[in-house]
Amino acid sequence: MSADNGSKSADPHSTTKAAKRLAFLEKTTAGGSEDPLAWYGLAMEYRKLQRVDEALQTFTTLRTRKPDYVAMYLMCGQMLDEAGRKDEAREWLESGLAAAKAKGDSHAASEIESALALLD
């Protein structure tokens, strides 16, 4: 019988890769990058680390720079919902729905509508 109780320690290699990815994205955005993918990636890294306020600040910066970057609205809305911040989540999702419709992105609009329905 194994002494493993089902818990796994973090893979040091993946932890190092995540830290390097986070450092790269922080450096890229701090350098004034206009690439929305860098800002989105940084926000998602913060979200993954449960650094909600830093993720929200990064999503907000991206929203200011590139308001038609539709994916951020769903991800930020879901994160805020998970953090129990329902009013903020609803605002992000409703804005995202408007942005998706304005772009003609029916797939994103459908996903955002589903997320909004889960808030109710």
N, C-alpha and C. Protein backbone atom coordinates (compact mmCIF):
# COMPACT_ATOMS: atom_id res chain seq x y z
N MET A 1 0.85 -1.18 0.00
CA MET A 1 0.00 0.00 0.00
C MET A 1 0.89 1.24 0.00
N SER A 2 0.52 2.19 -0.80
CA SER A 2 1.30 3.41 -0.93
C SER A 2 1.00 4.38 0.19
N ALA A 3 2.00 5.15 0.54
CA ALA A 3 1.82 6.18 1.57
C ALA A 3 1.23 7.46 0.98
N ASP A 4 1.03 7.48 -0.35
CA ASP A 4 0.48 8.67 -1.02
C ASP A 4 -0.97 8.86 -0.61
N ASN A 5 -1.26 10.02 -0.07
CA ASN A 5 -2.62 10.29 0.36
C ASN A 5 -3.40 11.07 -0.69
N GLY A 6 -2.88 11.09 -1.91
CA GLY A 6 -3.58 11.77 -2.99
C GLY A 6 -3.13 13.20 -3.22
N SER A 7 -2.35 13.75 -2.31
CA SER A 7 -1.88 15.11 -2.51
C SER A 7 -0.61 15.08 -3.34
N LYS A 8 -0.46 16.08 -4.15
CA LYS A 8 0.72 16.18 -5.01
C LYS A 8 1.43 17.47 -4.72
N SER A 9 2.73 17.42 -4.68
CA SER A 9 3.49 18.65 -4.51
C SER A 9 3.59 19.33 -5.86
N ALA A 10 3.76 20.63 -5.84
CA ALA A 10 3.86 21.40 -7.08
C ALA A 10 5.10 20.97 -7.84
N ASP A 11 4.95 20.84 -9.14
CA ASP A 11 6.07 20.52 -10.01
C ASP A 11 6.98 21.74 -10.07
N PRO A 12 8.22 21.62 -9.56
CA PRO A 12 9.10 22.79 -9.54
C PRO A 12 9.37 23.35 -10.94
N HIS A 13 9.37 22.48 -11.95
CA HIS A 13 9.61 22.94 -13.32
C HIS A 13 8.47 23.84 -13.79
N SER A 14 7.22 23.42 -13.54
CA SER A 14 6.09 24.23 -13.99
C SER A 14 5.99 25.52 -13.17
N THR A 15 6.38 25.46 -11.89
CA THR A 15 6.38 26.66 -11.06
C THR A 15 7.39 27.67 -11.59
N THR A 16 8.56 27.18 -11.98
CA THR A 16 9.59 28.05 -12.54
C THR A 16 9.12 28.65 -13.88
N LYS A 17 8.48 27.83 -14.71
CA LYS A 17 7.98 28.33 -15.99
C LYS A 17 6.92 29.41 -15.77
N ALA A 18 6.03 29.18 -14.80
CA ALA A 18 4.98 30.16 -14.50
C ALA A 18 5.58 31.47 -14.00
N ALA A 19 6.59 31.37 -13.15
CA ALA A 19 7.24 32.57 -12.62
C ALA A 19 7.94 33.34 -13.74
N LYS A 20 8.58 32.61 -14.66
CA LYS A 20 9.25 33.26 -15.79
C LYS A 20 8.24 33.91 -16.72
N ARG A 21 7.12 33.24 -16.95
CA ARG A 21 6.07 33.79 -17.81
C ARG A 21 5.50 35.06 -17.18
N LEU A 22 5.24 35.02 -15.86
CA LEU A 22 4.72 36.19 -15.17
C LEU A 22 5.72 37.34 -15.25
N ALA A 23 7.00 37.06 -14.99
CA ALA A 23 8.03 38.11 -15.04
C ALA A 23 8.13 38.70 -16.45
N PHE A 24 8.06 37.85 -17.47
CA PHE A 24 8.13 38.33 -18.85
C PHE A 24 6.96 39.25 -19.16
N LEU A 25 5.75 38.83 -18.78
CA LEU A 25 4.56 39.64 -19.07
C LEU A 25 4.56 40.94 -18.29
N GLU A 26 5.02 40.90 -17.04
CA GLU A 26 5.12 42.14 -16.26
C GLU A 26 6.10 43.10 -16.89
N LYS A 27 7.23 42.57 -17.35
CA LYS A 27 8.24 43.42 -17.98
C LYS A 27 7.72 43.99 -19.30
N THR A 28 7.05 43.16 -20.08
CA THR A 28 6.52 43.59 -21.37
C THR A 28 5.50 44.70 -21.21
N THR A 29 4.57 44.53 -20.28
CA THR A 29 3.53 45.55 -20.10
C THR A 29 4.10 46.80 -19.42
N ALA A 30 5.04 46.63 -18.51
CA ALA A 30 5.66 47.78 -17.86
C ALA A 30 6.43 48.62 -18.87
N GLY A 31 6.89 47.97 -19.93
CA GLY A 31 7.62 48.68 -20.99
C GLY A 31 6.70 49.44 -21.93
N GLY A 32 5.39 49.42 -21.64
CA GLY A 32 4.45 50.19 -22.44
C GLY A 32 3.90 49.46 -23.65
N SER A 33 3.98 48.14 -23.65
CA SER A 33 3.49 47.37 -24.79
C SER A 33 2.03 47.70 -25.08
N GLU A 34 1.73 47.83 -26.36
CA GLU A 34 0.35 48.03 -26.81
C GLU A 34 -0.28 46.71 -27.24
N ASP A 35 0.46 45.61 -27.13
CA ASP A 35 -0.05 44.31 -27.55
C ASP A 35 -1.12 43.83 -26.57
N PRO A 36 -2.38 43.75 -27.02
CA PRO A 36 -3.44 43.34 -26.10
C PRO A 36 -3.23 41.94 -25.53
N LEU A 37 -2.56 41.08 -26.29
CA LEU A 37 -2.32 39.72 -25.81
C LEU A 37 -1.40 39.72 -24.60
N ALA A 38 -0.44 40.62 -24.54
CA ALA A 38 0.44 40.71 -23.37
C ALA A 38 -0.35 41.12 -22.14
N TRP A 39 -1.21 42.10 -22.28
CA TRP A 39 -2.03 42.56 -21.14
C TRP A 39 -3.00 41.47 -20.71
N TYR A 40 -3.64 40.84 -21.68
CA TYR A 40 -4.59 39.75 -21.39
C TYR A 40 -3.86 38.59 -20.70
N GLY A 41 -2.70 38.24 -21.23
CA GLY A 41 -1.91 37.16 -20.63
C GLY A 41 -1.52 37.46 -19.20
N LEU A 42 -1.12 38.71 -18.94
CA LEU A 42 -0.75 39.10 -17.58
C LEU A 42 -1.96 39.02 -16.65
N ALA A 43 -3.08 39.53 -17.11
CA ALA A 43 -4.30 39.46 -16.28
C ALA A 43 -4.66 38.01 -15.97
N MET A 44 -4.53 37.14 -16.96
CA MET A 44 -4.86 35.73 -16.76
C MET A 44 -3.87 35.05 -15.81
N GLU A 45 -2.60 35.44 -15.87
CA GLU A 45 -1.62 34.89 -14.92
C GLU A 45 -1.99 35.31 -13.49
N TYR A 46 -2.31 36.58 -13.31
CA TYR A 46 -2.74 37.05 -11.99
C TYR A 46 -3.99 36.30 -11.54
N ARG A 47 -4.93 36.11 -12.45
CA ARG A 47 -6.16 35.37 -12.11
C ARG A 47 -5.82 33.97 -11.64
N LYS A 48 -4.95 33.30 -12.38
CA LYS A 48 -4.55 31.93 -12.04
C LYS A 48 -3.93 31.88 -10.64
N LEU A 49 -3.21 32.93 -10.28
CA LEU A 49 -2.55 33.01 -8.97
C LEU A 49 -3.50 33.55 -7.89
N GLN A 50 -4.75 33.80 -8.26
CA GLN A 50 -5.78 34.34 -7.36
C GLN A 50 -5.40 35.71 -6.81
N ARG A 51 -4.70 36.47 -7.63
CA ARG A 51 -4.35 37.86 -7.30
C ARG A 51 -5.40 38.75 -7.98
N VAL A 52 -6.62 38.68 -7.43
CA VAL A 52 -7.80 39.26 -8.07
C VAL A 52 -7.66 40.76 -8.33
N ASP A 53 -7.19 41.51 -7.34
CA ASP A 53 -7.10 42.96 -7.53
C ASP A 53 -6.09 43.32 -8.62
N GLU A 54 -4.97 42.60 -8.67
CA GLU A 54 -3.98 42.87 -9.72
C GLU A 54 -4.52 42.46 -11.09
N ALA A 55 -5.25 41.35 -11.13
CA ALA A 55 -5.86 40.92 -12.39
C ALA A 55 -6.88 41.95 -12.85
N LEU A 56 -7.72 42.43 -11.91
CA LEU A 56 -8.73 43.42 -12.26
C LEU A 56 -8.08 44.70 -12.77
N GLN A 57 -7.03 45.14 -12.12
CA GLN A 57 -6.33 46.35 -12.57
C GLN A 57 -5.78 46.14 -13.99
N THR A 58 -5.25 44.96 -14.27
CA THR A 58 -4.69 44.68 -15.58
C THR A 58 -5.79 44.58 -16.63
N PHE A 59 -6.89 43.89 -16.30
CA PHE A 59 -8.03 43.84 -17.23
C PHE A 59 -8.55 45.25 -17.50
N THR A 60 -8.58 46.10 -16.48
CA THR A 60 -9.07 47.47 -16.63
C THR A 60 -8.17 48.27 -17.56
N THR A 61 -6.87 48.08 -17.41
CA THR A 61 -5.92 48.76 -18.32
C THR A 61 -6.15 48.30 -19.75
N LEU A 62 -6.31 47.00 -19.93
CA LEU A 62 -6.57 46.46 -21.27
C LEU A 62 -7.87 47.03 -21.82
N ARG A 63 -8.88 47.12 -20.97
CA ARG A 63 -10.19 47.65 -21.40
C ARG A 63 -10.07 49.10 -21.87
N THR A 64 -9.23 49.87 -21.19
CA THR A 64 -9.01 51.27 -21.58
C THR A 64 -8.28 51.34 -22.91
N ARG A 65 -7.29 50.47 -23.09
CA ARG A 65 -6.47 50.49 -24.31
C ARG A 65 -7.15 49.85 -25.51
N LYS A 66 -7.91 48.80 -25.25
CA LYS A 66 -8.48 48.00 -26.36
C LYS A 66 -9.88 47.50 -25.96
N PRO A 67 -10.85 48.41 -25.91
CA PRO A 67 -12.18 48.04 -25.41
C PRO A 67 -12.91 46.98 -26.24
N ASP A 68 -12.46 46.73 -27.46
CA ASP A 68 -13.11 45.72 -28.29
C ASP A 68 -12.45 44.34 -28.16
N TYR A 69 -11.53 44.18 -27.20
CA TYR A 69 -10.90 42.88 -26.96
C TYR A 69 -11.88 42.06 -26.10
N VAL A 70 -12.79 41.38 -26.77
CA VAL A 70 -13.97 40.80 -26.13
C VAL A 70 -13.65 39.73 -25.09
N ALA A 71 -12.63 38.94 -25.30
CA ALA A 71 -12.35 37.81 -24.38
C ALA A 71 -12.15 38.27 -22.94
N MET A 72 -11.61 39.46 -22.75
CA MET A 72 -11.32 39.92 -21.38
C MET A 72 -12.58 40.07 -20.55
N TYR A 73 -13.68 40.45 -21.18
CA TYR A 73 -14.90 40.71 -20.43
C TYR A 73 -15.42 39.43 -19.76
N LEU A 74 -15.42 38.35 -20.50
CA LEU A 74 -15.89 37.07 -19.94
C LEU A 74 -14.95 36.60 -18.83
N MET A 75 -13.65 36.64 -19.10
CA MET A 75 -12.69 36.15 -18.11
C MET A 75 -12.72 36.99 -16.83
N CYS A 76 -12.79 38.29 -16.98
CA CYS A 76 -12.82 39.17 -15.81
C CYS A 76 -14.15 39.00 -15.06
N GLY A 77 -15.24 38.91 -15.80
CA GLY A 77 -16.54 38.71 -15.18
C GLY A 77 -16.60 37.42 -14.39
N GLN A 78 -16.08 36.35 -14.96
CA GLN A 78 -16.05 35.07 -14.25
C GLN A 78 -15.18 35.14 -13.00
N MET A 79 -14.03 35.79 -13.12
CA MET A 79 -13.14 35.93 -11.97
C MET A 79 -13.82 36.70 -10.85
N LEU A 80 -14.47 37.80 -11.19
CA LEU A 80 -15.15 38.60 -10.17
C LEU A 80 -16.31 37.83 -9.55
N ASP A 81 -17.02 37.06 -10.35
CA ASP A 81 -18.09 36.22 -9.82
C ASP A 81 -17.53 35.22 -8.81
N GLU A 82 -16.42 34.55 -9.19
CA GLU A 82 -15.78 33.58 -8.29
C GLU A 82 -15.33 34.24 -6.98
N ALA A 83 -14.98 35.53 -7.06
CA ALA A 83 -14.53 36.27 -5.88
C ALA A 83 -15.71 36.83 -5.08
N GLY A 84 -16.93 36.54 -5.53
CA GLY A 84 -18.11 37.01 -4.82
C GLY A 84 -18.45 38.46 -5.09
N ARG A 85 -17.88 39.02 -6.12
CA ARG A 85 -18.09 40.44 -6.47
C ARG A 85 -19.09 40.51 -7.63
N LYS A 86 -20.34 40.12 -7.34
CA LYS A 86 -21.37 39.93 -8.35
C LYS A 86 -21.70 41.21 -9.13
N ASP A 87 -21.80 42.35 -8.45
CA ASP A 87 -22.16 43.59 -9.15
C ASP A 87 -21.09 43.97 -10.17
N GLU A 88 -19.83 43.85 -9.76
CA GLU A 88 -18.73 44.15 -10.69
C GLU A 88 -18.71 43.15 -11.85
N ALA A 89 -18.96 41.88 -11.51
CA ALA A 89 -19.00 40.84 -12.54
C ALA A 89 -20.08 41.16 -13.57
N ARG A 90 -21.25 41.53 -13.09
CA ARG A 90 -22.37 41.85 -13.99
C ARG A 90 -22.00 43.02 -14.91
N GLU A 91 -21.37 44.05 -14.37
CA GLU A 91 -20.99 45.20 -15.18
C GLU A 91 -20.02 44.79 -16.28
N TRP A 92 -19.02 44.00 -15.94
CA TRP A 92 -18.06 43.54 -16.94
C TRP A 92 -18.74 42.69 -18.01
N LEU A 93 -19.60 41.78 -17.58
CA LEU A 93 -20.26 40.90 -18.54
C LEU A 93 -21.22 41.67 -19.44
N GLU A 94 -21.96 42.60 -18.87
CA GLU A 94 -22.88 43.40 -19.71
C GLU A 94 -22.11 44.25 -20.72
N SER A 95 -21.00 44.82 -20.29
CA SER A 95 -20.15 45.59 -21.23
C SER A 95 -19.58 44.68 -22.30
N GLY A 96 -19.20 43.49 -21.90
CA GLY A 96 -18.67 42.51 -22.85
C GLY A 96 -19.70 42.07 -23.86
N LEU A 97 -20.93 41.91 -23.41
CA LEU A 97 -22.01 41.53 -24.32
C LEU A 97 -22.21 42.62 -25.37
N ALA A 98 -22.21 43.86 -24.93
CA ALA A 98 -22.34 44.98 -25.87
C ALA A 98 -21.17 45.00 -26.86
N ALA A 99 -19.96 44.78 -26.36
CA ALA A 99 -18.77 44.78 -27.23
C ALA A 99 -18.83 43.63 -28.24
N ALA A 100 -19.26 42.45 -27.78
CA ALA A 100 -19.35 41.29 -28.67
C ALA A 100 -20.39 41.53 -29.77
N LYS A 101 -21.53 42.10 -29.38
CA LYS A 101 -22.58 42.39 -30.37
C LYS A 101 -22.10 43.44 -31.37
N ALA A 102 -21.38 44.46 -30.87
CA ALA A 102 -20.87 45.51 -31.75
C ALA A 102 -19.88 44.95 -32.77
N LYS A 103 -19.13 43.92 -32.37
CA LYS A 103 -18.16 43.29 -33.28
C LYS A 103 -18.80 42.24 -34.17
N GLY A 104 -20.04 41.87 -33.85
CA GLY A 104 -20.68 40.80 -34.59
C GLY A 104 -20.18 39.43 -34.19
N ASP A 105 -19.67 39.30 -32.98
CA ASP A 105 -19.12 38.03 -32.48
C ASP A 105 -20.21 37.28 -31.71
N SER A 106 -21.02 36.52 -32.44
CA SER A 106 -22.15 35.85 -31.83
C SER A 106 -21.72 34.74 -30.87
N HIS A 107 -20.59 34.11 -31.14
CA HIS A 107 -20.10 33.06 -30.24
C HIS A 107 -19.75 33.65 -28.87
N ALA A 108 -18.98 34.73 -28.86
CA ALA A 108 -18.62 35.38 -27.59
C ALA A 108 -19.88 35.91 -26.90
N ALA A 109 -20.79 36.49 -27.66
CA ALA A 109 -22.02 37.01 -27.07
C ALA A 109 -22.80 35.89 -26.37
N SER A 110 -22.85 34.74 -27.00
CA SER A 110 -23.55 33.60 -26.41
C SER A 110 -22.89 33.14 -25.10
N GLU A 111 -21.56 33.07 -25.10
CA GLU A 111 -20.84 32.67 -23.89
C GLU A 111 -21.06 33.68 -22.76
N ILE A 112 -21.04 34.95 -23.09
CA ILE A 112 -21.23 36.00 -22.08
C ILE A 112 -22.67 35.97 -21.56
N GLU A 113 -23.64 35.75 -22.46
CA GLU A 113 -25.04 35.63 -22.02
C GLU A 113 -25.20 34.47 -21.04
N SER A 114 -24.53 33.35 -21.31
CA SER A 114 -24.59 32.19 -20.41
C SER A 114 -24.00 32.54 -19.04
N ALA A 115 -22.89 33.26 -19.05
CA ALA A 115 -22.26 33.67 -17.78
C ALA A 115 -23.18 34.62 -17.01
N LEU A 116 -23.83 35.53 -17.72
CA LEU A 116 -24.76 36.45 -17.07
C LEU A 116 -25.93 35.70 -16.45
N ALA A 117 -26.43 34.70 -17.14
CA ALA A 117 -27.55 33.90 -16.64
C ALA A 117 -27.17 33.19 -15.34
N LEU A 118 -25.91 32.79 -15.22
CA LEU A 118 -25.45 32.11 -14.01
C LEU A 118 -25.37 33.06 -12.82
N LEU A 119 -25.28 34.35 -13.07
CA LEU A 119 -25.22 35.34 -11.98
C LEU A 119 -26.58 35.49 -11.31
N ASP A 120 -27.65 35.26 -12.05
CA ASP A 120 -29.00 35.49 -11.53
C ASP A 120 -29.47 34.41 -10.59
